[in-house]
Protein backbone atom coordinates (compact mmCIF):
# COMPACT_ATOMS: atom_id res chain seq x y z
CA MET A 1 -14.12 12.98 4.93
CA ILE A 2 -17.43 11.76 2.75
CA PHE A 3 -16.76 8.33 0.78
CA TYR A 4 -18.98 6.03 -1.22
CA GLU A 5 -18.21 2.17 -1.67
CA ILE A 6 -19.30 1.73 -4.77
CA LYS A 7 -19.57 -1.71 -6.71
CA VAL A 8 -18.83 -2.30 -10.03
CA HIS A 9 -19.54 -4.88 -12.60
CA TYR A 10 -18.02 -4.76 -15.93
CA GLU A 11 -16.02 -6.99 -18.88
CA ARG A 12 -12.48 -6.31 -18.48
CA GLN A 13 -9.89 -7.48 -21.27
CA THR A 14 -8.32 -10.42 -18.90
CA GLY A 15 -5.02 -10.93 -21.02
CA GLU A 16 -4.37 -12.27 -24.55
CA ASP A 17 -8.01 -14.87 -24.21
CA ASN A 18 -11.37 -13.01 -24.19
CA PRO A 19 -12.76 -10.35 -22.05
CA GLY A 20 -13.92 -11.52 -18.36
CA LYS A 21 -16.67 -10.43 -16.21
CA VAL A 22 -15.18 -8.64 -13.10
CA LYS A 23 -17.11 -7.54 -9.88
CA GLU A 24 -14.74 -4.78 -8.04
CA THR A 25 -15.22 -2.70 -5.08
CA TYR A 26 -13.73 0.97 -5.10
CA LEU A 27 -14.09 4.11 -2.37
CA VAL A 28 -14.31 7.53 -3.29
CA GLU A 29 -14.38 10.41 -1.69
CA GLY A 30 -16.94 13.10 -2.84
CA LEU A 31 -20.46 14.69 -2.00
CA THR A 32 -22.54 12.70 -3.84
CA CYS A 33 -23.32 9.38 -5.20
CA ALA A 34 -23.38 10.42 -8.65
CA ASP A 35 -20.59 12.71 -8.26
CA VAL A 36 -18.19 9.82 -7.62
CA GLU A 37 -20.04 7.43 -9.56
CA ASN A 38 -18.76 9.98 -12.69
CA ARG A 39 -15.33 10.27 -10.91
CA LEU A 40 -14.96 6.01 -11.10
CA MET A 41 -16.28 5.91 -14.39
CA GLN A 42 -13.43 8.29 -15.43
CA GLU A 43 -11.06 6.27 -13.59
CA ILE A 44 -11.83 2.78 -15.03
CA LYS A 45 -13.00 3.91 -18.48
CA PRO A 46 -9.78 2.26 -19.99
CA LEU A 47 -10.35 -1.01 -18.43
CA ILE A 48 -13.72 -1.20 -19.52
CA PHE A 49 -14.61 -3.39 -22.59
CA GLY A 50 -18.40 -3.82 -22.88
CA ASP A 51 -21.23 -2.68 -20.43
CA CYS A 52 -20.31 -1.78 -17.29
CA GLU A 53 -22.97 -1.31 -14.45
CA VAL A 54 -23.02 -0.19 -10.58
CA PRO A 55 -25.39 -2.21 -8.75
CA SER A 56 -24.31 -0.21 -5.34
CA CYS A 57 -23.36 2.81 -4.08
CA LYS A 58 -23.90 3.57 -0.40
CA LYS A 59 -22.07 6.64 2.01
CA VAL A 60 -19.43 4.96 4.42
CA GLN A 61 -17.90 6.61 7.43
CA PHE A 62 -14.06 6.01 8.42
CA TYR A 63 -12.60 7.96 10.94
CA ASP A 64 -8.96 7.48 8.87
CA LEU A 65 -7.59 6.60 6.17
CA ILE A 66 -3.84 5.07 6.32
CA PRO A 67 -2.03 4.71 2.91
CA ASN A 68 1.06 3.15 2.07
CA ALA A 69 2.98 2.94 -1.12
CA GLU A 70 4.03 -0.07 -0.61
CA GLY A 71 0.26 -1.72 0.20
CA ASP A 72 -1.60 -3.22 -2.62
CA LYS A 73 -4.42 -4.34 -0.55
CA TRP A 74 -6.74 -2.62 1.62
CA TYR A 75 -7.79 -3.55 5.08
CA LYS A 76 -10.72 -2.36 7.44
CA ALA A 77 -9.45 -1.68 10.91
CA ARG A 78 -12.65 -1.60 13.91
CA VAL A 79 -10.99 0.55 16.73
CA GLU A 80 -12.42 1.75 19.89
CA LEU A 81 -11.59 5.03 21.20
CA ILE A 82 -11.63 5.44 24.84
CA THR A 83 -11.88 8.74 26.54
CA LEU A 84 -12.72 9.55 30.00
CA GLU A 85 -15.10 12.84 30.73
CA ASP A 86 -15.37 15.51 33.12
CA ASN A 87 -16.91 13.04 35.97
CA GLY A 88 -14.47 10.83 35.16
CA LYS A 89 -16.49 8.23 33.31
CA GLU A 90 -15.09 6.01 30.61
CA THR A 91 -16.42 6.70 26.96
CA ARG A 92 -15.96 4.03 24.47
CA LYS A 93 -16.66 4.64 20.54
CA ALA A 94 -15.74 1.90 17.38
CA VAL A 95 -14.74 3.75 14.53
CA SER A 96 -13.28 2.38 11.35
CA ILE A 97 -9.95 2.80 9.49
CA LEU A 98 -8.87 1.75 6.64
CA VAL A 99 -5.19 0.41 6.24
CA GLU A 100 -3.27 -0.11 3.14
CA ALA A 101 -0.53 -2.73 3.18
CA PRO A 102 1.06 -5.48 1.29
CA THR A 103 0.22 -7.83 4.04
CA MET A 104 -2.32 -7.91 7.22
CA ALA A 105 0.84 -8.29 9.29
CA HIS A 106 2.12 -5.00 7.44
CA ALA A 107 -1.35 -3.40 8.13
CA LEU A 108 -1.44 -4.11 12.08
CA LYS A 109 1.94 -2.83 12.35
CA ASN A 110 0.59 0.44 10.38
CA LEU A 111 -2.46 0.88 12.50
CA THR A 112 -0.65 0.56 15.82
CA GLN A 113 2.04 2.94 14.63
CA HIS A 114 -0.63 5.24 13.67
CA ILE A 115 -2.71 4.87 16.84
CA SER A 116 0.14 5.02 19.30
CA GLY A 117 -0.63 8.16 20.56
CA LEU A 118 -4.24 7.75 21.19
CA ASP A 119 -6.20 5.78 24.11
CA CYS A 120 -7.79 2.78 22.34
CA GLU A 121 -8.29 -0.77 21.10
CA ILE A 122 -7.87 -2.60 18.36
CA ILE A 123 -11.16 -4.89 18.19
CA SER A 124 -10.45 -6.38 14.30
CA LEU A 125 -8.80 -6.38 11.23
CA THR A 126 -9.71 -7.75 8.02
CA LYS A 127 -9.21 -7.98 4.55
CA SER A 128 -11.44 -5.29 2.60
CA PRO A 129 -12.95 -6.08 -0.56
CA ILE A 130 -11.86 -2.52 -1.91
CA LEU A 131 -9.48 -2.52 -4.76
CA GLU A 132 -8.71 1.09 -4.85
CA VAL A 133 -9.39 4.44 -3.37
CA TYR A 134 -9.81 7.44 -5.03
CA ARG A 135 -9.66 10.65 -3.15
CA ALA A 136 -10.98 14.29 -3.83
CA ILE A 137 -9.70 16.25 -6.43
CA ASN A 138 -8.23 19.34 -5.09
């Protein structure tokens, strides 16, 4: 999975009053920044009122994504995977996992269930600024 974290600034109609400037972060799966920027612009085009700028597009790595239909927020977990080498030496590798959930408690529960078969340790769980995740179109 190759994902890009894209930050966008644009004006959006915020109800019945005047348009407001918003700054949002999205995660889009794709091959290049140009590809994912175009894809994101197609997705959010109906929301945009006026100019739109993309101040940042960077490649990010996630070991896994755990979507949840009831979730409306994304949480970033840092997990340390523990493996035992042939020589008996323990190796630890820190990875990031993105978890969708309505609350942090639900995110922790979903994460714990998801990694239950792995030998690992949860290092941290924080609320992510990511508003939406767009997977590659198959």
